[in-house]
N, C-alpha and C. Protein backbone atom coordinates (compact mmCIF):
# COMPACT_ATOMS: atom_id res chain seq x y z
N UNK A 1 -22.60 49.73 -0.69
CA UNK A 1 -22.93 48.78 -0.94
C UNK A 1 -22.92 47.57 -0.10
N UNK A 2 -23.67 46.82 0.19
CA UNK A 2 -23.67 45.29 0.97
C UNK A 2 -23.20 44.43 0.86
N UNK A 3 -23.23 43.66 1.81
CA UNK A 3 -22.82 42.04 1.47
C UNK A 3 -23.71 41.02 2.71
N UNK A 4 -23.33 39.97 1.98
CA UNK A 4 -23.64 38.73 2.96
C UNK A 4 -22.76 37.35 3.05
N UNK A 5 -22.48 36.72 4.03
CA UNK A 5 -21.34 36.59 4.65
C UNK A 5 -21.63 35.34 5.58
N UNK A 6 -20.96 34.12 6.17
CA UNK A 6 -21.09 33.19 6.95
C UNK A 6 -19.80 32.28 6.59
N UNK A 7 -19.79 31.11 7.43
CA UNK A 7 -19.15 29.72 7.34
C UNK A 7 -19.90 28.93 7.34
N UNK A 8 -19.94 28.04 6.47
CA UNK A 8 -20.72 26.51 6.32
C UNK A 8 -19.47 25.44 7.48
N UNK A 9 -20.49 24.63 7.98
CA UNK A 9 -19.59 23.53 8.49
C UNK A 9 -20.51 22.48 9.08
N UNK A 10 -20.06 21.21 9.32
CA UNK A 10 -20.92 19.86 9.43
C UNK A 10 -20.84 19.58 10.77
N UNK A 11 -21.61 19.46 11.40
CA UNK A 11 -21.61 19.78 13.11
C UNK A 11 -21.11 17.73 13.70
N UNK A 12 -21.84 16.72 12.73
CA UNK A 12 -21.30 15.78 12.75
C UNK A 12 -19.87 15.09 12.80
N UNK A 13 -19.19 16.17 11.47
CA UNK A 13 -17.64 15.81 11.34
C UNK A 13 -17.03 16.69 12.00
N UNK A 14 -17.59 17.88 12.63
CA UNK A 14 -16.85 18.67 13.25
C UNK A 14 -15.78 19.43 12.30
N UNK A 15 -16.13 19.67 11.14
CA UNK A 15 -15.18 20.02 9.95
C UNK A 15 -16.09 21.32 9.13
N UNK A 16 -15.75 21.98 8.65
CA UNK A 16 -15.60 23.24 8.26
C UNK A 16 -16.43 22.20 6.47
N UNK A 17 -17.00 22.82 5.63
CA UNK A 17 -17.77 22.04 4.43
C UNK A 17 -16.83 23.05 3.42
N UNK A 18 -16.21 22.34 2.68
CA UNK A 18 -15.41 23.27 1.84
C UNK A 18 -16.51 22.96 0.01
N UNK A 19 -16.45 23.71 -0.64
CA UNK A 19 -17.44 23.77 -1.98
C UNK A 19 -18.70 23.28 -1.65
N UNK A 20 -19.20 23.93 -0.42
CA UNK A 20 -20.56 23.76 -0.76
C UNK A 20 -21.09 25.05 -1.43
N UNK A 21 -22.04 24.45 -2.52
CA UNK A 21 -22.55 25.45 -3.93
C UNK A 21 -23.95 26.39 -2.60
N UNK A 22 -23.23 27.65 -3.28
CA UNK A 22 -24.45 28.79 -2.85
C UNK A 22 -25.15 29.62 -4.14
N UNK A 23 -26.49 29.51 -3.29
CA UNK A 23 -27.43 30.54 -4.72
C UNK A 23 -27.95 31.58 -4.03
N UNK A 24 -27.74 32.88 -3.93
CA UNK A 24 -28.36 33.89 -3.62
C UNK A 24 -28.98 34.26 -4.83
N UNK A 25 -30.58 34.51 -4.43
CA UNK A 25 -31.63 35.34 -5.40
C UNK A 25 -32.33 36.52 -4.89
N UNK A 26 -32.39 37.21 -5.39
CA UNK A 26 -32.77 38.50 -4.96
C UNK A 26 -34.29 38.41 -5.68
N UNK A 27 -35.00 39.86 -4.99
CA UNK A 27 -36.67 40.24 -5.49
C UNK A 27 -36.96 40.18 -6.76
N UNK A 28 -35.97 39.78 -7.96
CA UNK A 28 -36.10 39.95 -9.03
C UNK A 28 -35.89 38.72 -9.51
N UNK A 29 -35.61 37.64 -8.78
CA UNK A 29 -35.29 36.95 -9.32
C UNK A 29 -34.10 36.27 -9.80
N UNK A 30 -33.18 37.03 -9.70
CA UNK A 30 -31.66 37.20 -10.52
C UNK A 30 -30.92 36.31 -9.29
N UNK A 31 -30.52 35.80 -9.97
CA UNK A 31 -28.96 34.93 -8.94
C UNK A 31 -27.35 34.75 -9.23
N UNK A 32 -26.85 34.74 -8.13
CA UNK A 32 -25.55 34.65 -7.89
C UNK A 32 -25.29 33.45 -7.11
N UNK A 33 -23.88 32.73 -7.66
CA UNK A 33 -23.78 31.71 -7.13
C UNK A 33 -22.43 31.74 -6.57
N UNK A 34 -21.69 30.78 -5.72
CA UNK A 34 -20.32 31.17 -4.76
C UNK A 34 -20.53 29.39 -4.47
N UNK A 35 -19.47 28.90 -4.03
CA UNK A 35 -18.85 28.07 -3.48
C UNK A 35 -18.01 28.14 -2.16
N UNK A 36 -18.34 27.64 -0.88
CA UNK A 36 -17.45 27.57 0.23
C UNK A 36 -15.73 27.56 -0.22
N UNK A 37 -14.89 28.71 0.04
CA UNK A 37 -13.90 28.24 0.21
C UNK A 37 -12.68 27.51 1.12
N UNK A 38 -11.56 27.23 1.31
CA UNK A 38 -11.33 25.91 2.16
C UNK A 38 -11.15 25.81 2.99
N UNK A 39 -11.92 27.25 3.58
CA UNK A 39 -11.88 27.79 5.50
C UNK A 39 -13.65 27.37 5.77
N UNK A 40 -14.13 27.37 4.98
CA UNK A 40 -15.92 26.81 4.90
C UNK A 40 -16.53 28.29 4.67
N UNK A 41 -16.21 29.63 4.17
CA UNK A 41 -16.16 30.78 4.45
C UNK A 41 -17.20 31.24 2.74
N UNK A 42 -17.81 32.06 2.87
CA UNK A 42 -18.26 32.76 1.36
C UNK A 42 -18.67 34.21 2.07
N UNK A 43 -18.83 34.69 0.61
CA UNK A 43 -18.89 36.30 0.96
C UNK A 43 -19.61 36.47 -0.78
N UNK A 44 -20.90 37.22 -0.60
CA UNK A 44 -21.14 37.80 -1.34
C UNK A 44 -21.47 39.20 -1.00
N UNK A 45 -20.44 40.13 -2.28
CA UNK A 45 -20.47 41.61 -2.06
C UNK A 45 -20.76 42.39 -3.19
N UNK A 46 -20.59 43.87 -3.03
CA UNK A 46 -21.83 44.82 -3.65
C UNK A 46 -23.16 43.94 -4.22
N UNK A 47 -23.83 44.24 -2.87
CA UNK A 47 -25.44 43.92 -2.74
C UNK A 47 -25.93 45.27 -2.38
N UNK A 48 -27.11 44.97 -3.40
CA UNK A 48 -27.99 46.68 -3.23
C UNK A 48 -28.47 46.56 -1.37
N UNK A 49 -28.43 47.49 -1.54
CA UNK A 49 -29.12 48.30 0.24
C UNK A 49 -30.54 48.29 0.64
N UNK A 50 -30.94 47.87 1.67
CA UNK A 50 -32.45 47.41 1.98
C UNK A 50 -33.07 46.65 1.08
N UNK A 51 -32.46 45.72 0.20
CA UNK A 51 -33.08 44.16 -0.47
C UNK A 51 -32.97 43.00 0.41
N UNK A 52 -34.26 42.35 -0.54
CA UNK A 52 -34.45 40.70 0.50
C UNK A 52 -34.09 40.10 -0.48
N UNK A 53 -33.12 38.52 -0.35
CA UNK A 53 -32.68 37.93 -0.51
C UNK A 53 -33.06 36.40 0.29
N UNK A 54 -32.76 35.28 -0.78
CA UNK A 54 -33.20 34.09 -0.59
C UNK A 54 -31.84 33.22 -0.67
N UNK A 55 -30.88 32.92 0.35
CA UNK A 55 -30.02 31.96 0.71
C UNK A 55 -30.20 30.42 0.59
N UNK A 56 -29.68 29.65 -0.75
CA UNK A 56 -29.68 28.28 -0.48
C UNK A 56 -28.22 27.60 -0.46
N UNK A 57 -28.06 26.68 0.49
CA UNK A 57 -26.82 26.35 0.96
C UNK A 57 -26.88 25.05 0.17
N UNK A 58 -26.17 24.14 -0.55
CA UNK A 58 -26.35 22.96 -1.16
C UNK A 58 -24.64 22.10 -0.79
N UNK A 59 -24.87 20.94 -0.05
CA UNK A 59 -23.56 19.77 -0.56
C UNK A 59 -23.60 18.54 -0.21
N UNK A 60 -23.57 17.69 -1.00
CA UNK A 60 -23.90 16.40 -0.66
C UNK A 60 -25.12 15.87 -0.14
N UNK A 61 -26.62 16.56 -1.21
CA UNK A 61 -27.57 16.24 -0.10
C UNK A 61 -28.29 16.95 0.45
N UNK A 62 -27.26 17.55 1.35
CA UNK A 62 -27.78 18.38 2.62
C UNK A 62 -28.30 19.95 1.70
N UNK A 63 -29.43 20.64 2.23
CA UNK A 63 -29.59 21.94 1.99
C UNK A 63 -30.21 22.49 3.00
N UNK A 64 -29.84 23.52 2.95
CA UNK A 64 -30.06 24.66 3.90
C UNK A 64 -30.77 26.20 3.60
N UNK A 65 -31.64 26.52 3.37
CA UNK A 65 -32.28 27.97 3.27
C UNK A 65 -32.31 28.69 4.10
N UNK A 66 -32.04 29.88 3.68
CA UNK A 66 -32.49 30.96 4.45
C UNK A 66 -33.30 32.25 3.81
N UNK A 67 -34.55 32.57 4.39
CA UNK A 67 -35.11 33.30 3.23
C UNK A 67 -35.31 34.79 3.83
N UNK A 68 -35.71 35.90 3.09
CA UNK A 68 -35.93 36.98 3.80
C UNK A 68 -34.65 37.69 4.22
N UNK A 69 -33.72 37.40 4.07
CA UNK A 69 -32.46 38.39 4.16
C UNK A 69 -32.70 39.45 3.81
N UNK A 70 -32.45 40.60 4.90
CA UNK A 70 -32.76 41.82 4.75
C UNK A 70 -31.29 42.95 4.65
N UNK A 71 -31.22 43.32 3.25
CA UNK A 71 -29.42 44.27 3.31
C UNK A 71 -29.40 45.78 4.01
N UNK A 72 -30.32 46.16 5.17
CA UNK A 72 -30.56 46.95 5.51
C UNK A 72 -29.18 47.84 6.02
N UNK A 73 -28.30 46.49 6.67
CA UNK A 73 -26.95 46.55 7.09
C UNK A 73 -26.17 45.69 6.31
N UNK A 74 -25.01 45.23 6.60
CA UNK A 74 -24.18 44.26 6.21
C UNK A 74 -24.48 43.10 6.91
N UNK A 75 -24.80 41.91 6.20
CA UNK A 75 -25.31 40.46 7.41
C UNK A 75 -24.44 39.39 6.94
N UNK A 76 -23.59 39.12 8.32
CA UNK A 76 -22.94 38.04 8.94
C UNK A 76 -23.40 36.91 9.51
N UNK A 77 -24.18 35.87 8.71
CA UNK A 77 -24.37 34.93 9.34
C UNK A 77 -24.00 33.83 9.98
N UNK A 78 -22.36 33.94 10.46
CA UNK A 78 -21.86 33.29 11.20
C UNK A 78 -21.39 32.01 10.91
N UNK A 79 -21.73 31.22 11.88
CA UNK A 79 -21.62 29.47 11.71
C UNK A 79 -22.64 29.12 11.93
N UNK A 80 -22.75 28.34 10.20
CA UNK A 80 -24.00 27.50 9.73
C UNK A 80 -24.23 25.89 9.97
N UNK A 81 -24.70 25.33 10.54
CA UNK A 81 -24.04 24.27 10.83
C UNK A 81 -25.67 23.40 9.17
N UNK A 82 -24.62 22.59 8.57
CA UNK A 82 -25.56 21.89 7.37
C UNK A 82 -25.71 20.37 7.79
N UNK A 83 -26.74 20.76 8.07
CA UNK A 83 -26.94 18.86 8.28
C UNK A 83 -28.15 18.28 7.44
């Protein structure tokens, strides 16, 4: 199984974003949701290998979308600015 992880932060405030809503959607339209923790981190685990996902991050009217994230290997999106 694979994972997709990262850390969400606000560049204006120079702080991590706590409680951002994350929605991960697979190719079949099935979704999983999480919220960022007190460190701005998230971790979707036990994902299918070689699948494609769309990740939507939302908080306080700000939205960021990543499309076609492939789980050929584990994916760490690193530090993600939410603007």
